[in-house]
Every structure is written in C-alpha cells, then in structure tokens.
Protein backbone atom coordinates (compact mmCIF):
# COMPACT_ATOMS: atom_id res chain seq x y z
CA MET A 1 0.31 0.02 -0.29
CA LEU A 2 1.37 3.33 -0.77
CA TRP A 3 -0.04 5.97 0.72
CA ALA A 4 0.46 9.99 0.55
CA PHE A 5 0.71 11.94 3.28
CA LEU A 6 -0.75 15.98 2.97
CA ALA A 7 -0.89 18.35 5.63
CA ASP A 8 -1.24 22.30 5.98
CA VAL A 9 -2.91 22.93 2.70
CA HIS A 10 -4.14 26.01 4.34
CA ALA A 11 -6.48 26.86 1.73
CA ASN A 12 -4.37 26.67 -1.42
CA LEU A 13 -5.81 25.10 -4.54
CA GLU A 14 -3.07 25.28 -6.81
CA ALA A 15 -0.53 23.63 -3.85
CA LEU A 16 -3.27 20.71 -3.16
CA GLU A 17 -3.89 20.00 -7.11
CA ALA A 18 -0.46 19.61 -8.02
CA CYS A 19 0.38 17.48 -4.66
CA LEU A 20 -2.24 15.05 -5.19
CA GLU A 21 -1.56 14.91 -9.11
CA ASP A 22 1.91 13.93 -8.43
CA ALA A 23 1.06 11.32 -5.74
CA ARG A 24 -0.83 9.94 -8.31
CA GLY A 25 1.40 10.15 -10.88
CA ARG A 26 4.12 7.72 -8.21
CA GLY A 27 1.16 5.70 -7.77
CA ALA A 28 -0.59 6.45 -4.18
CA GLN A 29 -3.27 4.53 -3.44
CA ARG A 30 -4.53 5.78 -0.04
CA PHE A 31 -4.51 9.54 1.32
CA ALA A 32 -4.23 11.30 4.51
CA LEU A 33 -5.01 14.82 5.26
CA LEU A 34 -3.58 15.98 8.34
CA GLY A 35 -5.19 18.63 9.57
CA ASP A 36 -5.12 22.40 8.79
CA LEU A 37 -7.44 21.97 5.46
CA VAL A 38 -8.50 26.16 5.63
CA GLY A 39 -6.76 29.58 7.04
CA TYR A 40 -4.50 31.88 5.10
CA GLY A 41 -4.92 30.78 1.56
CA ALA A 42 -8.20 32.35 -0.65
CA ASP A 43 -9.74 28.97 -1.96
CA PRO A 44 -11.31 27.30 1.27
CA CYS A 45 -14.16 26.17 0.01
CA ALA A 46 -13.07 24.63 -3.30
CA VAL A 47 -10.29 22.80 -0.48
CA THR A 48 -12.95 21.90 1.86
CA GLU A 49 -14.59 20.14 -1.51
CA ARG A 50 -11.41 18.46 -2.28
CA ALA A 51 -10.95 16.73 1.10
CA MET A 52 -15.01 15.81 1.33
CA GLN A 53 -14.40 13.98 -2.42
CA LEU A 54 -11.26 12.49 -1.17
CA THR A 55 -12.73 11.06 2.21
CA SER A 56 -16.03 9.70 0.56
CA ALA A 57 -13.31 7.72 -1.86
CA GLY A 58 -11.54 6.15 1.71
CA ALA A 59 -9.04 9.07 2.54
CA ILE A 60 -8.20 10.16 6.16
CA SER A 61 -9.16 13.25 7.60
CA VAL A 62 -8.28 14.89 11.04
CA LYS A 63 -8.55 18.16 12.08
CA GLY A 64 -5.95 20.78 12.13
CA ASN A 65 -6.29 24.05 15.02
CA HIS A 66 -7.52 26.33 11.72
CA ASP A 67 -9.77 23.88 10.83
CA GLN A 68 -10.94 24.07 14.65
CA ALA A 69 -10.72 27.74 14.49
CA ILE A 70 -13.51 28.23 12.26
CA GLU A 71 -16.32 26.32 14.59
CA GLY A 72 -14.68 27.83 17.82
CA SER A 73 -11.83 30.49 19.12
CA ALA A 74 -9.42 31.96 17.38
CA ALA A 75 -8.27 33.99 19.94
CA TYR A 76 -4.81 32.33 20.60
CA LEU A 77 -3.84 32.87 16.76
CA ASN A 78 -2.02 35.78 15.93
CA ASP A 79 -3.96 38.58 14.37
CA THR A 80 -2.97 37.92 10.56
CA ALA A 81 -4.31 33.82 11.67
CA ARG A 82 -7.56 35.49 12.94
CA ALA A 83 -8.12 37.77 10.31
CA ALA A 84 -8.05 35.35 7.87
CA ILE A 85 -10.03 32.71 10.11
CA GLU A 86 -12.16 35.79 10.12
CA TRP A 87 -12.19 36.16 6.18
CA THR A 88 -12.98 32.43 5.87
CA ARG A 89 -15.71 32.07 8.40
CA SER A 90 -17.96 34.69 5.37
CA GLN A 91 -16.66 32.12 2.93
CA LEU A 92 -17.40 28.90 4.03
CA GLY A 93 -21.10 27.06 3.57
CA GLY A 94 -23.14 25.28 6.37
CA GLU A 95 -21.87 21.77 4.27
CA HIS A 96 -18.05 22.92 4.31
CA ARG A 97 -18.28 24.20 7.89
CA ASP A 98 -20.09 21.08 9.11
CA TYR A 99 -17.58 18.73 7.65
CA LEU A 100 -14.76 20.68 9.04
CA ALA A 101 -16.56 20.39 12.71
CA GLN A 102 -16.94 16.75 12.40
CA LEU A 103 -12.89 16.13 11.70
CA PRO A 104 -11.45 13.86 15.03
CA PHE A 105 -8.44 14.96 16.32
CA THR A 106 -6.35 11.84 15.71
CA ALA A 107 -6.87 8.37 13.70
CA ARG A 108 -5.66 4.89 13.35
CA GLU A 109 -4.92 2.42 10.84
CA ASP A 110 -2.22 0.30 12.44
CA PRO A 111 0.51 0.64 12.42
CA ILE A 112 -0.09 4.12 11.74
CA LEU A 113 -1.46 7.22 13.97
CA PHE A 114 -2.67 10.02 12.07
CA VAL A 115 -2.39 13.32 13.86
CA HIS A 116 -2.45 17.14 13.20
CA ALA A 117 -0.10 18.23 15.97
CA SER A 118 1.39 16.02 18.59
CA ALA A 119 -0.30 13.14 19.74
CA ASP A 120 -0.28 13.41 23.68
CA ALA A 121 -2.29 16.11 23.66
CA PRO A 122 -3.66 16.42 19.91
CA GLN A 123 -6.57 19.12 21.03
CA ARG A 124 -3.65 21.56 22.50
CA TRP A 125 -1.88 21.88 19.10
CA ASN A 126 1.44 21.53 20.83
CA TYR A 127 4.84 21.83 17.92
CA VAL A 128 6.59 18.32 17.78
CA ASP A 129 9.91 20.39 17.26
CA SER A 130 12.47 19.01 18.57
CA ALA A 131 13.49 14.92 19.76
CA ALA A 132 11.81 15.35 23.02
CA ALA A 133 8.40 16.18 21.56
CA ALA A 134 9.04 13.60 19.08
CA TRP A 135 9.69 10.77 22.03
CA ARG A 136 6.36 12.33 24.10
CA SER A 137 4.46 11.99 20.70
CA VAL A 138 5.48 8.65 19.91
CA GLN A 139 4.82 7.12 23.40
CA ALA A 140 0.86 8.61 23.48
CA SER A 141 0.07 7.17 19.89
CA GLN A 142 1.63 3.96 20.65
CA ALA A 143 1.93 3.13 16.93
CA THR A 144 4.95 2.25 15.18
CA TYR A 145 4.51 5.26 12.59
CA THR A 146 3.50 8.38 13.61
CA PHE A 147 2.73 11.05 10.59
CA CYS A 148 1.55 15.02 11.31
CA GLY A 149 1.81 18.24 10.34
CA HIS A 150 1.62 21.55 11.64
CA VAL A 151 5.65 22.64 11.82
CA HIS A 152 5.34 23.19 8.20
CA ASP A 153 8.37 21.79 7.74
CA GLN A 154 9.39 18.38 7.19
CA GLY A 155 11.25 15.82 9.26
CA LEU A 156 11.91 12.57 10.31
CA TYR A 157 12.65 11.28 13.99
CA PHE A 158 13.17 7.21 14.74
CA GLU A 159 13.00 5.58 17.98
CA ARG A 160 17.00 4.93 19.50
CA PRO A 161 17.70 1.18 20.53
CA GLY A 162 16.49 0.36 23.60
CA GLY A 163 13.59 3.01 24.03
CA GLY A 164 16.26 5.94 24.60
CA GLY A 165 14.18 8.17 23.49
CA MET A 166 14.34 9.59 19.63
CA GLY A 167 17.30 10.41 16.92
CA ALA A 168 16.21 13.37 14.53
CA PHE A 169 17.05 12.91 10.88
CA ARG A 170 16.96 15.67 7.89
CA PRO A 171 15.40 14.26 5.05
CA VAL A 172 16.53 14.74 1.36
CA PRO A 173 13.62 15.35 -1.13
CA GLY A 174 13.13 12.57 -3.48
CA THR A 175 15.24 10.33 -1.97
CA ALA A 176 13.78 6.70 0.04
CA ILE A 177 14.72 6.39 3.48
CA PRO A 178 14.27 2.50 4.82
CA VAL A 179 11.49 2.79 7.86
CA GLY A 180 11.70 -1.00 9.62
CA HIS A 181 8.63 -1.60 11.80
CA HIS A 182 11.61 -2.91 14.48
CA ARG A 183 11.78 0.95 16.31
CA ARG A 184 9.06 3.55 16.08
CA TRP A 185 9.05 6.78 13.48
CA LEU A 186 7.63 10.07 13.45
CA ALA A 187 7.50 11.73 10.22
CA ILE A 188 6.65 15.65 9.80
CA VAL A 189 4.94 15.68 6.35
CA GLY A 190 5.35 19.56 5.74
CA SER A 191 3.29 21.92 4.56
CA VAL A 192 1.58 21.77 1.48
CA GLY A 193 0.22 25.30 1.14
CA GLN A 194 2.69 27.50 3.23
CA PRO A 195 5.82 26.05 3.72
CA ARG A 196 8.17 28.19 5.68
CA ASP A 197 11.90 26.88 4.42
CA GLY A 198 12.49 29.20 2.13
CA ASN A 199 10.98 26.78 -0.57
CA PRO A 200 7.45 27.62 -2.41
CA ALA A 201 7.44 24.36 -3.63
CA ALA A 202 4.38 22.21 -2.00
CA ALA A 203 5.49 19.87 0.68
CA TYR A 204 4.12 15.92 0.77
CA VAL A 205 5.51 12.38 1.98
CA LEU A 206 4.57 8.91 0.42
CA PHE A 207 4.62 5.66 2.72
CA ASP A 208 5.61 2.83 0.90
CA ALA A 209 4.03 0.31 3.71
CA ALA A 210 4.89 -2.82 2.09
CA ARG A 211 8.53 -1.76 1.45
CA GLU A 212 8.51 0.14 4.69
CA GLN A 213 10.09 3.30 2.84
CA ILE A 214 9.05 7.14 3.59
CA THR A 215 9.99 9.35 0.25
CA PHE A 216 9.84 13.13 1.20
CA HIS A 217 8.57 15.20 -1.97
CA ARG A 218 8.20 18.58 -3.08
CA VAL A 219 6.55 19.70 -5.57
CA ALA A 220 6.73 22.90 -7.85
CA TYR A 221 3.34 24.76 -8.64
CA ASP A 222 2.09 27.96 -9.36
CA HIS A 223 2.32 29.73 -6.24
CA ASN A 224 2.18 33.13 -8.01
CA ALA A 225 -1.53 32.03 -9.10
CA ALA A 226 -2.19 31.40 -5.63
CA ALA A 227 -0.74 34.60 -4.16
CA GLN A 228 -2.61 36.98 -6.99
CA LYS A 229 -6.09 35.08 -5.33
CA ILE A 230 -5.26 36.05 -1.85
CA GLU A 231 -4.14 39.69 -3.16
CA ARG A 232 -7.78 40.13 -4.64
CA SER A 233 -9.59 38.97 -1.75
CA ALA A 234 -9.53 40.52 1.77
CA LEU A 235 -6.90 38.68 3.03
CA PRO A 236 -3.97 40.26 4.47
CA PRO A 237 -1.41 40.74 1.98
CA GLY A 238 1.72 39.78 3.77
CA LEU A 239 -0.10 36.43 3.42
CA ALA A 240 0.42 36.33 -0.59
CA TYR A 241 4.38 37.12 0.46
CA ARG A 242 4.76 34.13 2.09
CA VAL A 243 3.32 31.81 -0.32
CA ARG A 244 5.91 33.26 -2.69
CA ARG A 245 8.68 33.01 -0.87
CA GLY A 246 7.55 29.97 0.80
CA ILE A 247 8.28 32.00 4.40
C-alpha cells in the first residue's frame, strides 16, 4: 500500500492539486489529510470540497487548529491568522463547516497514527519541534508510525535502540528512507500550502507500507497564481508574500 500524506493545505488549491497529481503519478493508493485544510489561503471552499471528495473515496482526514478555529475560538492565533479565519468563516457554507467540525483529532489504522500536531495532547496543538517532543508524541500514539503536520517543515524522528528517546534525521526530498517496523518513527510531512523553509514548493510525503520506506517530496506549482488570489481577496496581503517566498 502506497500512502500519500498531506498537511497544512491552508486553502491553497493550486498547491493541493499539484501534490495530488504528483502523488497519483507516483502510484499513491491511499491519501491522508493531516489537518489545517483552511486558513491563510484564498480557496477554503474549493479545498474543503476536495477534501470531502477524497474522504468519500476512503481518505483519512483529521482536524487541525485552523479547522477547529472555524467552529471555535481563534483568540490564541496571531492577528494575521485571526483575520484569515474571520474571512474564511465568511466564505464557507454550512456543508463546509459541518465537514470541518466533524473531523477527529486523531485517526488510527495500524500501524499508523494520524494527527495534526502532537499525539500526546492533540487538541492542545503542541508543536513537534524537538526530539523530546517527538518522544512524547510516539509514547502517546503507541503506533509504529506517527504522521503529523503543524510545523510547516519536513522532518523525521526515529526511536533510538533500547527505547532511549528519539533521534532526528533531516530528509532529502526524493530519497527513499528505510523505516523498519523494529523501531518507532515520527514523520512531519511538511506543508502543502504554506512551506516555511524559504522554498515555495509544496511539500508532502509518500509511505510505502509494504517496503517500509518513506519518501519526502517537494512539488513546484504556480505559487504566483495562489498569491494573486490572496491579493484579490480581503485577506491580509502579507499572506501572499509568504506563499511566494515560502516563509
């Protein structure tokens, strides 16, 4: 089974479609959406509808903090994120809101745990930004493979021999990494719609469950078109700059 994991789409339709096309071209059979379908970008309705279609076809989908902010409080977000949430609320219809509201915080399909942030308290949106945070997440997930987003960067953590915490590995896009089931792994799949590593190319991950391999991918797409949509909307204009620059 070849899985495609996509997180932090953030209403960027161009990036989402580019990643889906790339994943299908590489033989992806199952899809998992790891939260934050909306927020920041100009296409919340179209992205949510695409997610609904994928879910109907068997995809796994979990809730991100921006998805939750549509139905709940956005007070903890920064000014730009809150403004984007307010605008997004004005765009979404009842069907979109209902879909986002019913998303679970986690999903499990052994040997995989799917979550947006850290599995140790998924509704608190803690970042997995260190080996210690990765260890807390895998301890809570009790899964061989934990896949998450939220950090907007790509990374891989592996269980050290003897259960002595986690080690960190910086993946090279396009290079398959062996991830044997004899230890636990946590993969941060990167952001489809708003990467923050200085590279505007969309990010996602393929996981070959049979071969026990993970491959991180970057996909060039028309980020200028996505940015121009933001500029034509009532969203904060700085969001367009972030999409163009990958920051």
